[in-house]
Amino acid sequence: MNSKKLIERADLEALLKLLLETDSFRPDSIIDSERPDFIITVPDRTIGVETTRSEPEEYFRALSIQASKYPSHWINITHFKNRLSPRTNKELLNSMGYNALLQPWESVEAGMLQWKQEIAVTLNTKREKLNQTGYQIFDENWLLIHNYHPLCNDKLTQERAGQLLNDLFFEVSGVTRDFDAIFVHSGAFLFRWQMGELCLI
């Protein structure tokens, strides 16, 4: 099993652990696949599960630079985002160590809006994939978006995240087929959008 599939499996296992605790949901089998990433079976249906991580490319690249060159330096991550013109590794170095103190810090609200945008980009990409020829369709089709750099675990963040996800999911998607359930897992929070309703599991 390659490293990408190991990450996908770990994210799926984290979801299933929470669903077992809250809904007593326990699959009979889990099969590795592609398009979607997993096929899980329960007594009355088969579910295809697409998994992905939502985080700016800059975040993962900066972590790689930090680990290989500056493991003792901290990073100002508040302004990482996906850009039309990606920043160079040299520019990302300005977010580490002493230089990080000189970088502007985003407001909490700006950070939350950026979080929504990253989720939206990921969601739209996976919706397009769901509607492509060759994507396997099952009794139910789920999407798991794992937010690798988690939200802060506090009530205000939880409420604002719920508001932003509601706004996002109520937007017209324009796709022919949509996922039956969409999960957004961010640290202590697991949101589920299903049948037109958002809930926190």
N, C-alpha and C. Protein backbone atom coordinates (compact mmCIF):
# COMPACT_ATOMS: atom_id res chain seq x y z
N MET A 1 0.85 -1.19 0.00
CA MET A 1 0.00 0.00 0.00
C MET A 1 0.88 1.25 0.00
N ASN A 2 0.68 2.15 -0.96
CA ASN A 2 1.52 3.34 -1.04
C ASN A 2 1.15 4.35 0.03
N SER A 3 2.00 5.38 0.17
CA SER A 3 1.81 6.35 1.25
C SER A 3 0.51 7.13 1.10
N LYS A 4 0.12 7.44 -0.15
CA LYS A 4 -1.13 8.17 -0.37
C LYS A 4 -2.32 7.33 0.10
N LYS A 5 -2.32 6.06 -0.22
CA LYS A 5 -3.43 5.19 0.19
C LYS A 5 -3.43 5.00 1.71
N LEU A 6 -2.25 4.97 2.32
CA LEU A 6 -2.18 4.86 3.78
C LEU A 6 -2.81 6.08 4.45
N ILE A 7 -2.55 7.27 3.89
CA ILE A 7 -3.14 8.49 4.43
C ILE A 7 -4.65 8.46 4.26
N GLU A 8 -5.10 8.06 3.07
CA GLU A 8 -6.54 7.98 2.82
C GLU A 8 -7.20 7.00 3.78
N ARG A 9 -6.54 5.87 4.01
CA ARG A 9 -7.12 4.86 4.91
C ARG A 9 -7.18 5.39 6.34
N ALA A 10 -6.14 6.10 6.77
CA ALA A 10 -6.14 6.67 8.12
C ALA A 10 -7.27 7.68 8.29
N ASP A 11 -7.50 8.50 7.27
CA ASP A 11 -8.59 9.48 7.34
C ASP A 11 -9.95 8.79 7.37
N LEU A 12 -10.10 7.72 6.59
CA LEU A 12 -11.35 6.96 6.60
C LEU A 12 -11.57 6.31 7.96
N GLU A 13 -10.53 5.73 8.53
CA GLU A 13 -10.65 5.07 9.83
C GLU A 13 -11.07 6.08 10.91
N ALA A 14 -10.53 7.30 10.83
CA ALA A 14 -10.92 8.34 11.80
C ALA A 14 -12.40 8.67 11.67
N LEU A 15 -12.89 8.73 10.44
CA LEU A 15 -14.32 8.98 10.22
C LEU A 15 -15.16 7.83 10.76
N LEU A 16 -14.79 6.61 10.44
CA LEU A 16 -15.57 5.44 10.87
C LEU A 16 -15.58 5.30 12.39
N LYS A 17 -14.48 5.68 13.04
CA LYS A 17 -14.42 5.62 14.51
C LYS A 17 -15.48 6.54 15.12
N LEU A 18 -15.61 7.75 14.56
CA LEU A 18 -16.59 8.70 15.07
C LEU A 18 -18.01 8.25 14.75
N LEU A 19 -18.21 7.69 13.55
CA LEU A 19 -19.55 7.22 13.19
C LEU A 19 -19.97 6.02 14.04
N LEU A 20 -19.00 5.21 14.44
CA LEU A 20 -19.31 4.09 15.33
C LEU A 20 -19.76 4.61 16.69
N GLU A 21 -19.08 5.64 17.19
CA GLU A 21 -19.40 6.19 18.51
C GLU A 21 -20.74 6.90 18.51
N THR A 22 -21.08 7.57 17.42
CA THR A 22 -22.29 8.41 17.41
C THR A 22 -23.51 7.72 16.80
N ASP A 23 -23.28 6.92 15.74
CA ASP A 23 -24.40 6.31 15.01
C ASP A 23 -24.39 4.79 15.06
N SER A 24 -23.43 4.20 15.78
CA SER A 24 -23.25 2.74 15.81
C SER A 24 -23.06 2.18 14.40
N PHE A 25 -22.44 2.98 13.53
CA PHE A 25 -22.23 2.57 12.14
C PHE A 25 -20.95 1.75 12.07
N ARG A 26 -21.09 0.50 11.62
CA ARG A 26 -19.93 -0.39 11.50
C ARG A 26 -20.02 -1.14 10.17
N PRO A 27 -19.10 -0.87 9.22
CA PRO A 27 -19.17 -1.56 7.94
C PRO A 27 -18.79 -3.03 8.06
N ASP A 28 -19.36 -3.84 7.18
CA ASP A 28 -19.00 -5.26 7.13
C ASP A 28 -17.66 -5.46 6.45
N SER A 29 -17.36 -4.60 5.47
CA SER A 29 -16.10 -4.72 4.76
C SER A 29 -15.65 -3.37 4.22
N ILE A 30 -14.34 -3.23 4.02
CA ILE A 30 -13.76 -2.03 3.43
C ILE A 30 -12.82 -2.51 2.32
N ILE A 31 -13.06 -2.07 1.10
CA ILE A 31 -12.26 -2.50 -0.04
C ILE A 31 -11.54 -1.29 -0.62
N ASP A 32 -10.22 -1.39 -0.76
CA ASP A 32 -9.45 -0.34 -1.43
C ASP A 32 -9.86 -0.28 -2.90
N SER A 33 -9.98 0.92 -3.42
CA SER A 33 -10.42 1.08 -4.80
C SER A 33 -9.85 2.38 -5.35
N GLU A 34 -10.25 2.72 -6.55
CA GLU A 34 -9.95 4.00 -7.17
C GLU A 34 -11.21 4.47 -7.87
N ARG A 35 -11.46 5.80 -7.71
CA ARG A 35 -12.66 6.38 -8.34
C ARG A 35 -13.92 5.61 -7.95
N PRO A 36 -14.32 5.51 -6.68
CA PRO A 36 -13.81 6.22 -5.51
C PRO A 36 -12.67 5.46 -4.81
N ASP A 37 -12.19 6.06 -3.71
CA ASP A 37 -11.01 5.52 -3.02
C ASP A 37 -11.31 4.25 -2.24
N PHE A 38 -12.55 4.12 -1.75
CA PHE A 38 -12.93 2.94 -0.96
C PHE A 38 -14.36 2.54 -1.27
N ILE A 39 -14.63 1.26 -1.09
CA ILE A 39 -15.99 0.73 -1.18
C ILE A 39 -16.27 0.03 0.14
N ILE A 40 -17.28 0.50 0.86
CA ILE A 40 -17.64 -0.14 2.12
C ILE A 40 -19.03 -0.73 2.00
N THR A 41 -19.21 -1.86 2.65
CA THR A 41 -20.50 -2.54 2.60
C THR A 41 -21.11 -2.63 3.98
N VAL A 42 -22.42 -2.49 4.04
CA VAL A 42 -23.22 -2.74 5.24
C VAL A 42 -24.34 -3.66 4.78
N PRO A 43 -25.09 -4.24 5.70
CA PRO A 43 -26.07 -5.26 5.29
C PRO A 43 -27.04 -4.83 4.20
N ASP A 44 -27.43 -3.54 4.19
CA ASP A 44 -28.49 -3.13 3.25
C ASP A 44 -28.01 -2.29 2.08
N ARG A 45 -26.70 -1.98 2.00
CA ARG A 45 -26.27 -1.14 0.88
C ARG A 45 -24.74 -1.16 0.74
N THR A 46 -24.30 -0.69 -0.41
CA THR A 46 -22.88 -0.53 -0.69
C THR A 46 -22.60 0.96 -0.87
N ILE A 47 -21.52 1.42 -0.27
CA ILE A 47 -21.22 2.86 -0.25
C ILE A 47 -19.83 3.10 -0.83
N GLY A 48 -19.76 3.97 -1.82
CA GLY A 48 -18.47 4.42 -2.34
C GLY A 48 -18.02 5.65 -1.57
N VAL A 49 -16.76 5.67 -1.15
CA VAL A 49 -16.24 6.78 -0.35
C VAL A 49 -15.02 7.39 -1.04
N GLU A 50 -15.14 8.66 -1.39
CA GLU A 50 -14.02 9.43 -1.93
C GLU A 50 -13.41 10.23 -0.79
N THR A 51 -12.10 10.16 -0.61
CA THR A 51 -11.45 10.87 0.48
C THR A 51 -10.43 11.86 -0.08
N THR A 52 -10.27 12.98 0.61
CA THR A 52 -9.30 13.98 0.17
C THR A 52 -8.93 14.85 1.35
N ARG A 53 -7.84 15.58 1.20
CA ARG A 53 -7.43 16.55 2.23
C ARG A 53 -7.52 17.95 1.67
N SER A 54 -7.96 18.87 2.51
CA SER A 54 -8.14 20.25 2.09
C SER A 54 -7.15 21.13 2.84
N GLU A 55 -6.15 21.56 2.14
CA GLU A 55 -5.14 22.43 2.74
C GLU A 55 -4.37 23.09 1.61
N PRO A 56 -3.97 24.35 1.77
CA PRO A 56 -3.21 25.01 0.70
C PRO A 56 -1.91 24.27 0.40
N GLU A 57 -1.54 24.23 -0.87
CA GLU A 57 -0.30 23.59 -1.29
C GLU A 57 0.90 24.20 -0.55
N GLU A 58 0.83 25.51 -0.29
CA GLU A 58 1.94 26.18 0.40
C GLU A 58 2.19 25.58 1.79
N TYR A 59 1.13 25.15 2.44
CA TYR A 59 1.26 24.62 3.79
C TYR A 59 2.12 23.36 3.79
N PHE A 60 1.82 22.43 2.89
CA PHE A 60 2.58 21.18 2.86
C PHE A 60 4.02 21.42 2.39
N ARG A 61 4.19 22.33 1.45
CA ARG A 61 5.55 22.61 0.96
C ARG A 61 6.38 23.27 2.05
N ALA A 62 5.76 24.18 2.82
CA ALA A 62 6.48 24.83 3.91
C ALA A 62 6.86 23.84 5.00
N LEU A 63 5.96 22.91 5.31
CA LEU A 63 6.28 21.88 6.31
C LEU A 63 7.46 21.02 5.85
N SER A 64 7.52 20.72 4.56
CA SER A 64 8.62 19.92 4.02
C SER A 64 9.93 20.68 4.13
N ILE A 65 9.92 21.97 3.81
CA ILE A 65 11.13 22.79 3.92
C ILE A 65 11.57 22.88 5.37
N GLN A 66 10.61 23.10 6.26
CA GLN A 66 10.94 23.19 7.69
C GLN A 66 11.57 21.90 8.19
N ALA A 67 10.98 20.76 7.85
CA ALA A 67 11.48 19.47 8.34
C ALA A 67 12.89 19.16 7.84
N SER A 68 13.17 19.54 6.59
CA SER A 68 14.46 19.19 6.00
C SER A 68 15.57 20.18 6.32
N LYS A 69 15.21 21.47 6.52
CA LYS A 69 16.26 22.48 6.69
C LYS A 69 16.22 23.22 8.03
N TYR A 70 15.04 23.44 8.56
CA TYR A 70 14.92 24.26 9.77
C TYR A 70 13.97 23.61 10.78
N PRO A 71 14.28 22.42 11.26
CA PRO A 71 13.34 21.70 12.14
C PRO A 71 13.06 22.40 13.47
N SER A 72 13.94 23.31 13.88
CA SER A 72 13.73 23.99 15.16
C SER A 72 13.00 25.32 15.01
N HIS A 73 12.70 25.72 13.78
CA HIS A 73 12.02 26.99 13.54
C HIS A 73 10.51 26.81 13.53
N TRP A 74 9.79 27.81 14.01
CA TRP A 74 8.34 27.76 13.95
C TRP A 74 7.88 28.51 12.69
N ILE A 75 6.63 28.31 12.32
CA ILE A 75 6.10 28.87 11.07
C ILE A 75 4.85 29.70 11.37
N ASN A 76 4.76 30.83 10.71
CA ASN A 76 3.54 31.63 10.70
C ASN A 76 2.69 31.11 9.54
N ILE A 77 1.66 30.35 9.84
CA ILE A 77 0.87 29.68 8.81
C ILE A 77 -0.41 30.45 8.45
N THR A 78 -0.60 31.62 9.03
CA THR A 78 -1.90 32.29 8.90
C THR A 78 -2.17 32.84 7.51
N HIS A 79 -1.17 32.91 6.65
CA HIS A 79 -1.41 33.49 5.33
C HIS A 79 -1.11 32.51 4.20
N PHE A 80 -1.01 31.23 4.49
CA PHE A 80 -0.84 30.24 3.43
C PHE A 80 -2.16 30.07 2.67
N LYS A 81 -2.06 30.01 1.35
CA LYS A 81 -3.26 29.82 0.53
C LYS A 81 -2.84 29.32 -0.85
N ASN A 82 -3.80 28.79 -1.59
CA ASN A 82 -3.55 28.43 -2.98
C ASN A 82 -3.61 29.70 -3.82
N ARG A 83 -2.61 29.91 -4.64
CA ARG A 83 -2.50 31.14 -5.42
C ARG A 83 -2.40 30.81 -6.90
N LEU A 84 -2.82 31.75 -7.74
CA LEU A 84 -2.68 31.57 -9.19
C LEU A 84 -1.20 31.48 -9.57
N SER A 85 -0.36 32.27 -8.87
CA SER A 85 1.09 32.21 -9.07
C SER A 85 1.72 31.76 -7.76
N PRO A 86 2.02 30.46 -7.62
CA PRO A 86 2.57 29.94 -6.36
C PRO A 86 3.86 30.65 -5.96
N ARG A 87 4.01 30.87 -4.68
CA ARG A 87 5.23 31.49 -4.18
C ARG A 87 6.39 30.49 -4.23
N THR A 88 7.58 31.02 -4.36
CA THR A 88 8.77 30.17 -4.41
C THR A 88 9.11 29.68 -3.00
N ASN A 89 9.97 28.66 -2.93
CA ASN A 89 10.43 28.16 -1.64
C ASN A 89 11.14 29.27 -0.86
N LYS A 90 11.88 30.10 -1.57
CA LYS A 90 12.58 31.21 -0.91
C LYS A 90 11.59 32.17 -0.26
N GLU A 91 10.49 32.42 -0.94
CA GLU A 91 9.47 33.31 -0.36
C GLU A 91 8.82 32.67 0.86
N LEU A 92 8.64 31.34 0.82
CA LEU A 92 8.04 30.65 1.96
C LEU A 92 8.95 30.69 3.19
N LEU A 93 10.25 30.80 2.96
CA LEU A 93 11.19 30.87 4.09
C LEU A 93 10.92 32.10 4.96
N ASN A 94 10.31 33.13 4.38
CA ASN A 94 9.99 34.33 5.16
C ASN A 94 8.93 34.06 6.23
N SER A 95 8.29 32.90 6.15
CA SER A 95 7.28 32.55 7.14
C SER A 95 7.85 31.74 8.29
N MET A 96 9.19 31.57 8.32
CA MET A 96 9.80 30.70 9.33
C MET A 96 10.76 31.47 10.23
N GLY A 97 10.84 31.03 11.46
CA GLY A 97 11.79 31.60 12.41
C GLY A 97 11.55 33.07 12.68
N TYR A 98 12.65 33.84 12.79
CA TYR A 98 12.55 35.26 13.11
C TYR A 98 11.74 36.01 12.06
N ASN A 99 11.94 35.65 10.78
CA ASN A 99 11.21 36.33 9.71
C ASN A 99 9.71 36.21 9.86
N ALA A 100 9.25 35.13 10.50
CA ALA A 100 7.81 34.92 10.66
C ALA A 100 7.17 36.02 11.49
N LEU A 101 7.97 36.61 12.40
CA LEU A 101 7.43 37.68 13.23
C LEU A 101 7.09 38.92 12.41
N LEU A 102 7.75 39.06 11.25
CA LEU A 102 7.54 40.23 10.42
C LEU A 102 6.41 40.05 9.41
N GLN A 103 5.89 38.83 9.33
CA GLN A 103 4.80 38.55 8.40
C GLN A 103 3.47 39.00 8.99
N PRO A 104 2.58 39.53 8.17
CA PRO A 104 1.27 39.97 8.70
C PRO A 104 0.46 38.78 9.17
N TRP A 105 -0.34 39.00 10.21
CA TRP A 105 -1.22 37.96 10.74
C TRP A 105 -2.64 38.24 10.29
N GLU A 106 -3.31 37.21 9.82
CA GLU A 106 -4.70 37.35 9.41
C GLU A 106 -5.62 37.46 10.62
N SER A 107 -6.72 38.16 10.43
CA SER A 107 -7.74 38.18 11.47
C SER A 107 -8.40 36.80 11.52
N VAL A 108 -9.09 36.54 12.62
CA VAL A 108 -9.78 35.26 12.76
C VAL A 108 -10.82 35.09 11.65
N GLU A 109 -11.57 36.14 11.36
CA GLU A 109 -12.60 36.05 10.34
C GLU A 109 -12.00 35.82 8.95
N ALA A 110 -10.89 36.50 8.65
CA ALA A 110 -10.24 36.29 7.36
C ALA A 110 -9.77 34.84 7.24
N GLY A 111 -9.26 34.29 8.32
CA GLY A 111 -8.82 32.90 8.32
C GLY A 111 -9.98 31.95 8.10
N MET A 112 -11.13 32.23 8.70
CA MET A 112 -12.30 31.38 8.53
C MET A 112 -12.82 31.44 7.08
N LEU A 113 -12.81 32.63 6.50
CA LEU A 113 -13.27 32.76 5.11
C LEU A 113 -12.32 32.03 4.16
N GLN A 114 -11.03 32.08 4.47
CA GLN A 114 -10.07 31.34 3.66
C GLN A 114 -10.29 29.83 3.80
N TRP A 115 -10.61 29.39 5.03
CA TRP A 115 -10.93 27.98 5.27
C TRP A 115 -12.11 27.55 4.42
N LYS A 116 -13.15 28.37 4.40
CA LYS A 116 -14.32 28.05 3.57
C LYS A 116 -13.93 27.93 2.11
N GLN A 117 -13.07 28.84 1.63
CA GLN A 117 -12.67 28.82 0.24
C GLN A 117 -11.90 27.56 -0.11
N GLU A 118 -11.03 27.10 0.79
CA GLU A 118 -10.28 25.87 0.55
C GLU A 118 -11.23 24.66 0.49
N ILE A 119 -12.21 24.65 1.37
CA ILE A 119 -13.20 23.56 1.35
C ILE A 119 -13.99 23.62 0.04
N ALA A 120 -14.36 24.83 -0.40
CA ALA A 120 -15.13 24.99 -1.62
C ALA A 120 -14.37 24.49 -2.84
N VAL A 121 -13.10 24.83 -2.94
CA VAL A 121 -12.28 24.39 -4.08
C VAL A 121 -12.20 22.86 -4.11
N THR A 122 -11.96 22.27 -2.94
CA THR A 122 -11.87 20.81 -2.84
C THR A 122 -13.20 20.16 -3.21
N LEU A 123 -14.29 20.71 -2.69
CA LEU A 123 -15.61 20.17 -2.95
C LEU A 123 -15.94 20.20 -4.44
N ASN A 124 -15.67 21.33 -5.09
CA ASN A 124 -15.99 21.46 -6.51
C ASN A 124 -15.17 20.48 -7.35
N THR A 125 -13.90 20.30 -6.99
CA THR A 125 -13.04 19.36 -7.71
C THR A 125 -13.59 17.94 -7.62
N LYS A 126 -14.00 17.55 -6.42
CA LYS A 126 -14.50 16.19 -6.24
C LYS A 126 -15.89 16.00 -6.85
N ARG A 127 -16.71 17.04 -6.87
CA ARG A 127 -18.00 16.93 -7.54
C ARG A 127 -17.81 16.71 -9.04
N GLU A 128 -16.85 17.40 -9.62
CA GLU A 128 -16.55 17.20 -11.03
C GLU A 128 -16.08 15.77 -11.28
N LYS A 129 -15.26 15.26 -10.39
CA LYS A 129 -14.76 13.88 -10.53
C LYS A 129 -15.91 12.88 -10.46
N LEU A 130 -16.85 13.12 -9.53
CA LEU A 130 -18.01 12.23 -9.38
C LEU A 130 -18.80 12.12 -10.67
N ASN A 131 -18.84 13.19 -11.45
CA ASN A 131 -19.65 13.23 -12.66
C ASN A 131 -18.89 12.83 -13.92
N GLN A 132 -17.64 12.43 -13.77
CA GLN A 132 -16.86 12.00 -14.93
C GLN A 132 -17.22 10.57 -15.33
N THR A 133 -17.05 10.28 -16.60
CA THR A 133 -17.25 8.92 -17.09
C THR A 133 -16.22 8.00 -16.44
N GLY A 134 -16.66 6.84 -15.98
CA GLY A 134 -15.75 5.89 -15.37
C GLY A 134 -15.74 5.92 -13.86
N TYR A 135 -16.36 6.94 -13.26
CA TYR A 135 -16.44 6.98 -11.80
C TYR A 135 -17.53 6.00 -11.36
N GLN A 136 -17.18 5.09 -10.44
CA GLN A 136 -18.13 4.07 -10.00
C GLN A 136 -19.21 4.67 -9.09
N ILE A 137 -20.45 4.34 -9.37
CA ILE A 137 -21.58 4.83 -8.59
C ILE A 137 -22.19 3.66 -7.82
N PHE A 138 -22.52 3.92 -6.54
CA PHE A 138 -23.05 2.87 -5.67
C PHE A 138 -24.40 3.29 -5.09
N ASP A 139 -24.93 2.47 -4.17
CA ASP A 139 -26.20 2.82 -3.53
C ASP A 139 -26.11 4.19 -2.88
N GLU A 140 -24.98 4.46 -2.24
CA GLU A 140 -24.69 5.78 -1.69
C GLU A 140 -23.27 6.15 -2.07
N ASN A 141 -23.04 7.44 -2.23
CA ASN A 141 -21.72 7.93 -2.59
C ASN A 141 -21.35 9.05 -1.61
N TRP A 142 -20.26 8.84 -0.86
CA TRP A 142 -19.85 9.76 0.18
C TRP A 142 -18.56 10.48 -0.22
N LEU A 143 -18.42 11.67 0.33
CA LEU A 143 -17.17 12.42 0.20
C LEU A 143 -16.69 12.79 1.60
N LEU A 144 -15.43 12.49 1.87
CA LEU A 144 -14.79 12.88 3.13
C LEU A 144 -13.70 13.90 2.83
N ILE A 145 -13.87 15.12 3.34
CA ILE A 145 -12.84 16.16 3.24
C ILE A 145 -12.18 16.27 4.60
N HIS A 146 -10.92 15.87 4.67
CA HIS A 146 -10.18 15.94 5.93
C HIS A 146 -9.35 17.22 5.92
N ASN A 147 -9.64 18.10 6.85
CA ASN A 147 -8.92 19.37 6.99
C ASN A 147 -7.68 19.11 7.84
N TYR A 148 -6.54 18.94 7.17
CA TYR A 148 -5.33 18.46 7.85
C TYR A 148 -4.85 19.41 8.94
N HIS A 149 -4.86 20.72 8.68
CA HIS A 149 -4.52 21.68 9.73
C HIS A 149 -5.82 22.11 10.39
N PRO A 150 -6.14 21.53 11.56
CA PRO A 150 -7.50 21.65 12.10
C PRO A 150 -7.86 23.04 12.61
N LEU A 151 -9.15 23.28 12.65
CA LEU A 151 -9.69 24.50 13.25
C LEU A 151 -9.44 24.49 14.76
N CYS A 152 -9.45 25.68 15.34
CA CYS A 152 -9.35 25.79 16.80
C CYS A 152 -10.58 25.14 17.44
N ASN A 153 -10.36 24.50 18.56
CA ASN A 153 -11.45 23.79 19.23
C ASN A 153 -12.12 24.70 20.26
N ASP A 154 -13.00 25.56 19.78
CA ASP A 154 -13.76 26.42 20.68
C ASP A 154 -15.15 26.65 20.10
N LYS A 155 -16.06 27.11 20.93
CA LYS A 155 -17.47 27.24 20.54
C LYS A 155 -17.67 28.23 19.41
N LEU A 156 -16.98 29.37 19.46
CA LEU A 156 -17.15 30.39 18.43
C LEU A 156 -16.70 29.88 17.06
N THR A 157 -15.57 29.16 17.05
CA THR A 157 -15.08 28.60 15.79
C THR A 157 -16.06 27.56 15.26
N GLN A 158 -16.58 26.73 16.15
CA GLN A 158 -17.55 25.71 15.75
C GLN A 158 -18.78 26.35 15.10
N GLU A 159 -19.31 27.39 15.74
CA GLU A 159 -20.50 28.03 15.22
C GLU A 159 -20.24 28.72 13.88
N ARG A 160 -19.10 29.39 13.77
CA ARG A 160 -18.78 30.10 12.52
C ARG A 160 -18.52 29.10 11.39
N ALA A 161 -17.84 28.02 11.70
CA ALA A 161 -17.60 26.99 10.69
C ALA A 161 -18.91 26.42 10.18
N GLY A 162 -19.85 26.17 11.10
CA GLY A 162 -21.16 25.66 10.70
C GLY A 162 -21.90 26.63 9.80
N GLN A 163 -21.83 27.92 10.12
CA GLN A 163 -22.48 28.93 9.28
C GLN A 163 -21.89 28.95 7.88
N LEU A 164 -20.56 28.91 7.81
CA LEU A 164 -19.89 28.98 6.51
C LEU A 164 -20.17 27.73 5.67
N LEU A 165 -20.19 26.57 6.30
CA LEU A 165 -20.49 25.35 5.56
C LEU A 165 -21.93 25.34 5.08
N ASN A 166 -22.85 25.82 5.92
CA ASN A 166 -24.25 25.92 5.49
C ASN A 166 -24.35 26.79 4.24
N ASP A 167 -23.69 27.95 4.28
CA ASP A 167 -23.71 28.85 3.12
C ASP A 167 -23.15 28.14 1.89
N LEU A 168 -22.06 27.41 2.08
CA LEU A 168 -21.41 26.73 0.96
C LEU A 168 -22.30 25.64 0.37
N PHE A 169 -22.87 24.80 1.21
CA PHE A 169 -23.65 23.68 0.71
C PHE A 169 -24.99 24.12 0.11
N PHE A 170 -25.49 25.28 0.51
CA PHE A 170 -26.74 25.76 -0.06
C PHE A 170 -26.53 26.47 -1.39
N GLU A 171 -25.29 26.72 -1.77
CA GLU A 171 -25.02 27.29 -3.08
C GLU A 171 -25.37 26.27 -4.16
N VAL A 172 -25.86 26.75 -5.29
CA VAL A 172 -26.19 25.85 -6.40
C VAL A 172 -24.90 25.29 -6.97
N SER A 173 -24.81 23.96 -7.01
CA SER A 173 -23.57 23.33 -7.45
C SER A 173 -23.43 23.26 -8.96
N GLY A 174 -24.55 23.12 -9.66
CA GLY A 174 -24.51 23.05 -11.11
C GLY A 174 -24.08 21.69 -11.65
N VAL A 175 -23.95 20.68 -10.78
CA VAL A 175 -23.56 19.35 -11.24
C VAL A 175 -24.80 18.48 -11.38
N THR A 176 -24.70 17.48 -12.25
CA THR A 176 -25.83 16.58 -12.47
C THR A 176 -26.04 15.66 -11.28
N ARG A 177 -24.95 15.11 -10.77
CA ARG A 177 -25.01 14.16 -9.65
C ARG A 177 -24.18 14.72 -8.50
N ASP A 178 -24.69 14.62 -7.27
CA ASP A 178 -23.94 15.08 -6.10
C ASP A 178 -23.76 13.92 -5.13
N PHE A 179 -22.86 14.11 -4.18
CA PHE A 179 -22.65 13.09 -3.16
C PHE A 179 -23.86 13.01 -2.24
N ASP A 180 -24.16 11.80 -1.79
CA ASP A 180 -25.29 11.60 -0.87
C ASP A 180 -24.97 12.12 0.52
N ALA A 181 -23.72 12.06 0.89
CA ALA A 181 -23.28 12.59 2.18
C ALA A 181 -21.89 13.20 2.00
N ILE A 182 -21.69 14.37 2.60
CA ILE A 182 -20.39 15.04 2.55
C ILE A 182 -19.95 15.29 3.99
N PHE A 183 -18.77 14.80 4.34
CA PHE A 183 -18.21 14.97 5.68
C PHE A 183 -17.03 15.92 5.61
N VAL A 184 -16.98 16.86 6.55
CA VAL A 184 -15.83 17.74 6.71
C VAL A 184 -15.28 17.51 8.10
N HIS A 185 -14.09 16.92 8.17
CA HIS A 185 -13.47 16.56 9.44
C HIS A 185 -12.30 17.49 9.70
N SER A 186 -12.41 18.27 10.76
CA SER A 186 -11.37 19.23 11.11
C SER A 186 -11.12 19.17 12.61
N GLY A 187 -10.06 18.46 13.00
CA GLY A 187 -9.72 18.34 14.41
C GLY A 187 -10.83 17.71 15.22
N ALA A 188 -11.37 18.47 16.18
CA ALA A 188 -12.42 17.95 17.06
C ALA A 188 -13.80 17.98 16.41
N PHE A 189 -13.91 18.59 15.23
CA PHE A 189 -15.22 18.77 14.60
C PHE A 189 -15.39 17.83 13.41
N LEU A 190 -16.55 17.19 13.36
CA LEU A 190 -16.94 16.42 12.18
C LEU A 190 -18.33 16.89 11.76
N PHE A 191 -18.39 17.58 10.63
CA PHE A 191 -19.65 18.06 10.09
C PHE A 191 -20.13 17.09 9.01
N ARG A 192 -21.45 16.89 8.96
CA ARG A 192 -22.03 16.04 7.93
C ARG A 192 -23.17 16.79 7.23
N TRP A 193 -23.07 16.84 5.90
CA TRP A 193 -24.15 17.41 5.07
C TRP A 193 -24.86 16.26 4.39
N GLN A 194 -26.14 16.10 4.68
CA GLN A 194 -26.89 14.98 4.13
C GLN A 194 -28.35 15.35 4.05
N MET A 195 -28.98 15.09 2.90
CA MET A 195 -30.39 15.36 2.68
C MET A 195 -30.75 16.81 3.00
N GLY A 196 -29.86 17.72 2.60
CA GLY A 196 -30.13 19.14 2.76
C GLY A 196 -29.97 19.69 4.16
N GLU A 197 -29.34 18.93 5.05
CA GLU A 197 -29.15 19.39 6.42
C GLU A 197 -27.70 19.19 6.85
N LEU A 198 -27.20 20.16 7.61
CA LEU A 198 -25.85 20.09 8.16
C LEU A 198 -25.95 19.80 9.65
N CYS A 199 -25.16 18.82 10.11
CA CYS A 199 -25.13 18.54 11.54
C CYS A 199 -23.69 18.36 11.98
N LEU A 200 -23.45 18.56 13.24
CA LEU A 200 -22.15 18.33 13.85
C LEU A 200 -22.23 17.00 14.58
N ILE A 201 -21.40 16.08 14.18
CA ILE A 201 -21.43 14.74 14.79
C ILE A 201 -20.54 14.71 16.03
